Amino acid sequence: MATALADGLDRTDSDYVIIGLTSSGALDTRFASGGKLVVDLNQSGDNPRAVLVQSDGKVVVTGYSSSGGVVRPVLIRLSSNGVLDASFGDRGVATDTVLPGVAESYSVVRQGGDYVLAGYGRGADPNEKVDMVVYRFHGDGKRDQSFGSDGLTRVDVAGEDDRARNVIVLPDNRLLVAGSGKRTTSDIDGMLVLLDGNGMPVAEFGEGGRLISNLGGPNDSWYALAMTPDDSAIIVTGYMGADATGNDDAVVARIKI
């Protein structure tokens, strides 16, 4: 998965590019057209961020695209051989205006037959701080307005920038979101948010559903999540972000939910 400059001398935007590889890492020429599928949404910028392969072989790509000054999340679903799924969204592509300014998608996970996306966004005012946002699309590509509050879970710690980087579904159908939370203008900490299966914060987890951890630096974040094989705990990885004079360090933790 990548981006490529759009075709045409008058085009300066980028398009989604989904690439198929063989088990040895070579280009799979049986996938799409010569191993590559290009999806052009005719918007000012297409930005892929994550890919999901379903148990039935279908491939789901998420990211975000900009049009008319509004950034919207995007889901693209295709078959295992690189053909867009016409039964999903608009000829294989689903999107919606989640917030009036920005709603970026950095991760997608399948929850039953639906898709939960996580990222960050803000309102129409470009000076507004971004918040962690989580939302859900149905299996047909329509956004689920029953999720969270009016179709959106928005996490704002202290009026500063808060971001989601990953989301997983727990065995009991609850959702765990990893990213960062900002209590002050000068300190960003790793943050985990636990939601019930329909996007509402689980109040008894951390502080009202948020577990904020100082990982040792002024610019910390969690990024990846994985369930242990026995489903007893979560392994979470991220980094201790240093200031301009230092180096970032990796951080790994084990958390019981």
Protein backbone atom coordinates (compact mmCIF):
# COMPACT_ATOMS: atom_id res chain seq x y z
CA MET A 1 0.00 0.00 0.00
CA ALA A 2 1.36 3.39 -1.01
CA THR A 3 0.61 6.61 -2.87
CA ALA A 4 1.54 7.71 -6.36
CA LEU A 5 1.26 11.01 -8.16
CA ALA A 6 -1.88 11.09 -10.27
CA ASP A 7 -1.57 10.67 -14.03
CA GLY A 8 -1.70 13.81 -16.16
CA LEU A 9 0.52 16.85 -16.60
CA ASP A 10 -2.00 19.07 -14.81
CA ARG A 11 -2.32 16.80 -11.75
CA THR A 12 -0.39 17.41 -8.53
CA ASP A 13 -2.41 15.20 -6.17
CA SER A 14 -1.71 11.62 -5.10
CA ASP A 15 -3.76 8.42 -5.47
CA TYR A 16 -4.14 5.23 -3.44
CA VAL A 17 -1.94 2.39 -4.68
CA ILE A 18 -2.51 -1.19 -3.47
CA ILE A 19 0.19 -3.69 -4.40
CA GLY A 20 -0.01 -7.49 -4.36
CA LEU A 21 3.10 -9.50 -3.48
CA THR A 22 3.88 -13.20 -3.59
CA SER A 23 5.04 -15.09 -0.47
CA SER A 24 8.63 -14.47 -1.58
CA GLY A 25 8.10 -10.70 -1.80
CA ALA A 26 7.95 -10.44 -5.59
CA LEU A 27 5.26 -8.47 -7.41
CA ASP A 28 2.20 -10.72 -7.90
CA THR A 29 1.20 -10.05 -11.51
CA ARG A 30 -2.07 -11.93 -10.96
CA PHE A 31 -3.21 -9.18 -8.58
CA ALA A 32 -5.25 -6.35 -10.17
CA SER A 33 -3.37 -5.03 -13.22
CA GLY A 34 0.19 -6.32 -13.25
CA GLY A 35 0.28 -6.49 -9.45
CA LYS A 36 -1.02 -2.97 -8.77
CA LEU A 37 -4.40 -1.35 -8.20
CA VAL A 38 -4.62 2.46 -8.37
CA VAL A 39 -7.67 4.11 -6.80
CA ASP A 40 -8.16 7.78 -7.72
CA LEU A 41 -10.88 9.56 -5.75
CA ASN A 42 -10.40 12.76 -7.76
CA GLN A 43 -9.62 14.67 -4.59
CA SER A 44 -6.72 16.92 -3.70
CA GLY A 45 -4.83 14.28 -1.75
CA ASP A 46 -5.29 10.58 -1.03
CA ASN A 47 -3.38 9.23 1.98
CA PRO A 48 -3.40 5.47 2.75
CA ARG A 49 -2.58 4.48 6.32
CA ALA A 50 -3.48 0.83 7.12
CA VAL A 51 -4.53 -2.43 5.48
CA LEU A 52 -6.62 -5.33 6.79
CA VAL A 53 -6.93 -8.80 5.27
CA GLN A 54 -10.18 -10.53 6.24
CA SER A 55 -10.57 -14.24 6.91
CA ASP A 56 -12.48 -14.54 3.62
CA GLY A 57 -9.50 -13.09 1.72
CA LYS A 58 -11.00 -9.67 1.04
CA VAL A 59 -8.65 -6.73 1.53
CA VAL A 60 -9.68 -3.50 3.26
CA VAL A 61 -7.56 -0.35 3.06
CA THR A 62 -8.13 2.78 5.12
CA GLY A 63 -6.76 6.29 5.00
CA TYR A 64 -8.09 9.76 4.38
CA SER A 65 -8.66 12.17 1.50
CA SER A 66 -9.24 15.91 1.19
CA SER A 67 -11.82 17.70 -0.90
CA GLY A 68 -13.20 21.22 -0.61
CA GLY A 69 -11.15 21.89 2.49
CA VAL A 70 -12.61 18.90 4.39
CA VAL A 71 -10.59 15.78 5.24
CA ARG A 72 -12.67 12.58 5.30
CA PRO A 73 -11.86 8.97 6.21
CA VAL A 74 -11.79 6.43 3.38
CA LEU A 75 -12.37 2.66 3.26
CA ILE A 76 -11.58 0.66 0.14
CA ARG A 77 -12.59 -3.00 -0.12
CA LEU A 78 -11.38 -5.38 -2.82
CA SER A 79 -11.18 -9.06 -3.54
CA SER A 80 -8.07 -11.14 -2.88
CA ASN A 81 -7.12 -10.79 -6.56
CA GLY A 82 -7.38 -6.99 -6.54
CA VAL A 83 -10.88 -6.27 -7.89
CA LEU A 84 -12.87 -3.52 -6.18
CA ASP A 85 -15.92 -4.89 -4.32
CA ALA A 86 -18.93 -3.32 -6.03
CA SER A 87 -21.20 -4.33 -3.11
CA PHE A 88 -19.32 -2.03 -0.74
CA GLY A 89 -19.91 1.73 -0.62
CA ASP A 90 -19.69 3.40 -4.01
CA ARG A 91 -18.13 0.78 -6.30
CA GLY A 92 -15.80 -0.42 -3.56
CA VAL A 93 -15.07 2.89 -1.81
CA ALA A 94 -16.78 4.22 1.33
CA THR A 95 -16.38 7.64 2.91
CA ASP A 96 -18.34 10.15 4.95
CA THR A 97 -18.02 13.59 6.53
CA VAL A 98 -17.33 12.69 10.16
CA LEU A 99 -16.28 16.18 11.32
CA PRO A 100 -16.68 19.49 9.47
CA GLY A 101 -12.92 20.05 9.27
CA VAL A 102 -10.71 16.97 9.59
CA ALA A 103 -11.25 13.29 10.37
CA GLU A 104 -8.19 11.17 9.59
CA SER A 105 -8.17 7.36 9.76
CA TYR A 106 -4.99 5.59 10.85
CA SER A 107 -6.30 2.13 11.71
CA VAL A 108 -9.18 -0.21 10.89
CA VAL A 109 -10.35 -3.37 12.63
CA ARG A 110 -13.24 -5.69 11.85
CA GLN A 111 -15.92 -5.94 14.54
CA GLY A 112 -18.29 -8.68 13.47
CA GLY A 113 -19.45 -7.56 10.04
CA ASP A 114 -18.60 -3.90 10.67
CA TYR A 115 -15.41 -1.82 10.55
CA VAL A 116 -14.14 0.38 13.38
CA LEU A 117 -11.75 3.18 12.42
CA ALA A 118 -9.53 5.29 14.67
CA GLY A 119 -7.51 8.45 14.11
CA TYR A 120 -7.89 12.11 14.98
CA GLY A 121 -9.74 15.19 13.83
CA ARG A 122 -11.12 18.64 14.48
CA GLY A 123 -13.90 21.01 13.52
CA ALA A 124 -13.92 23.56 10.71
CA ASP A 125 -11.66 26.04 12.52
CA PRO A 126 -8.06 25.31 11.42
CA ASN A 127 -6.80 26.69 14.75
CA GLU A 128 -8.77 24.10 16.73
CA LYS A 129 -6.78 21.35 18.45
CA VAL A 130 -7.29 17.80 17.20
CA ASP A 131 -8.98 15.09 19.29
CA MET A 132 -8.77 11.30 19.22
CA VAL A 133 -11.72 10.05 17.15
CA VAL A 134 -13.23 6.57 16.73
CA TYR A 135 -16.17 5.68 14.49
CA ARG A 136 -17.72 2.70 12.72
CA PHE A 137 -18.84 1.78 9.20
CA HIS A 138 -21.28 -1.03 8.42
CA GLY A 139 -20.30 -3.90 6.18
CA ASP A 140 -22.05 -2.24 3.23
CA GLY A 141 -19.96 0.92 3.58
CA LYS A 142 -22.48 3.18 5.32
CA ARG A 143 -21.39 4.93 8.52
CA ASP A 144 -23.03 3.69 11.72
CA GLN A 145 -24.76 6.66 13.33
CA SER A 146 -25.57 4.60 16.46
CA PHE A 147 -21.88 4.35 17.41
CA GLY A 148 -20.63 6.49 20.29
CA SER A 149 -22.47 9.81 20.43
CA ASP A 150 -24.27 10.47 17.13
CA GLY A 151 -21.85 8.21 15.24
CA LEU A 152 -18.59 9.38 16.80
CA THR A 153 -16.46 8.91 19.90
CA ARG A 154 -14.29 11.97 20.45
CA VAL A 155 -11.68 12.05 23.23
CA ASP A 156 -10.33 15.41 24.40
CA VAL A 157 -8.07 15.20 27.47
CA ALA A 158 -7.38 18.86 28.24
CA GLY A 159 -8.11 21.00 25.21
CA GLU A 160 -4.81 20.03 23.57
CA ASP A 161 -3.95 17.63 20.71
CA ASP A 162 -4.95 13.97 21.28
CA ARG A 163 -4.44 11.27 18.65
CA ALA A 164 -5.32 7.62 17.95
CA ARG A 165 -2.86 5.39 16.11
CA ASN A 166 -4.37 1.91 16.45
CA VAL A 167 -7.49 0.04 17.56
CA ILE A 168 -8.27 -3.62 18.29
CA VAL A 169 -11.38 -5.57 19.25
CA LEU A 170 -11.10 -7.51 22.50
CA PRO A 171 -12.59 -11.00 22.91
CA ASP A 172 -15.62 -9.52 24.73
CA ASN A 173 -16.24 -7.10 21.80
CA ARG A 174 -14.93 -4.04 23.64
CA LEU A 175 -12.53 -1.75 21.80
CA LEU A 176 -9.06 -0.70 22.90
CA VAL A 177 -7.54 2.37 21.24
CA ALA A 178 -3.85 3.32 21.41
CA GLY A 179 -2.35 6.74 20.82
CA SER A 180 -1.37 9.83 22.73
CA GLY A 181 -2.96 12.32 25.11
CA LYS A 182 -1.80 15.80 25.99
CA ARG A 183 -2.43 17.17 29.48
CA THR A 184 -0.34 20.34 28.97
CA THR A 185 1.09 22.31 26.06
CA SER A 186 4.58 20.86 26.66
CA ASP A 187 4.01 17.17 27.51
CA ILE A 188 2.51 14.40 25.37
CA ASP A 189 1.93 11.00 27.02
CA GLY A 190 0.96 7.57 25.77
CA MET A 191 -2.79 7.00 26.06
CA LEU A 192 -5.02 3.93 25.92
CA VAL A 193 -8.79 4.33 25.72
CA LEU A 194 -11.20 1.47 26.48
CA LEU A 195 -14.64 1.62 24.85
CA ASP A 196 -17.59 -0.72 25.06
CA GLY A 197 -18.70 -2.50 21.90
CA ASN A 198 -20.75 0.49 20.80
CA GLY A 199 -18.13 3.16 21.35
CA MET A 200 -18.88 4.45 24.84
CA PRO A 201 -15.98 4.90 27.33
CA VAL A 202 -15.64 2.22 30.02
CA ALA A 203 -15.60 4.47 33.09
CA GLU A 204 -13.79 2.08 35.44
CA PHE A 205 -10.75 1.86 33.16
CA GLY A 206 -8.11 4.40 34.13
CA GLU A 207 -9.61 7.89 34.38
CA GLY A 208 -13.08 7.66 32.90
CA GLY A 209 -11.97 5.22 30.20
CA ARG A 210 -8.49 6.71 29.60
CA LEU A 211 -5.18 5.31 30.82
CA ILE A 212 -2.56 8.01 30.34
CA SER A 213 1.08 7.01 30.94
CA ASN A 214 4.24 9.08 31.00
CA LEU A 215 6.67 6.90 29.04
CA GLY A 216 9.65 9.04 30.05
CA GLY A 217 9.84 11.78 27.45
CA PRO A 218 8.06 15.01 26.51
CA ASN A 219 6.61 13.52 23.32
CA ASP A 220 5.41 9.94 23.98
CA SER A 221 2.91 7.75 22.16
CA TRP A 222 1.57 4.21 21.96
CA TYR A 223 1.29 2.85 18.41
CA ALA A 224 0.61 -0.90 18.17
CA LEU A 225 -1.61 -3.37 20.04
CA ALA A 226 -1.71 -7.18 20.14
CA MET A 227 -3.61 -9.67 22.28
CA THR A 228 -1.58 -12.40 24.00
CA PRO A 229 -2.31 -15.96 22.74
CA ASP A 230 -4.25 -16.82 25.91
CA ASP A 231 -6.35 -13.61 25.69
CA SER A 232 -5.24 -12.60 29.19
CA ALA A 233 -3.44 -9.36 28.39
CA ILE A 234 -2.52 -6.79 25.75
CA ILE A 235 0.98 -6.11 24.49
CA VAL A 236 1.33 -2.46 23.55
CA THR A 237 4.31 -0.83 21.87
CA GLY A 238 5.26 2.77 21.28
CA TYR A 239 8.03 5.22 21.94
CA MET A 240 9.44 7.59 24.50
CA GLY A 241 9.77 10.73 22.42
CA ALA A 242 12.78 12.85 23.30
CA ASP A 243 13.24 16.56 22.86
CA ALA A 244 15.16 18.05 19.92
CA THR A 245 18.54 17.21 21.51
CA GLY A 246 17.88 13.50 22.19
CA ASN A 247 16.85 10.24 20.59
CA ASP A 248 13.52 8.42 20.76
CA ASP A 249 13.44 5.05 22.55
CA ALA A 250 11.09 2.11 21.99
CA VAL A 251 8.72 1.13 24.82
CA VAL A 252 6.89 -2.20 25.27
CA ALA A 253 4.30 -2.88 27.98
CA ARG A 254 1.95 -5.68 29.03
CA ILE A 255 -1.47 -4.55 30.26
CA LYS A 256 -4.27 -6.62 31.71
CA ILE A 257 -7.74 -5.52 30.68
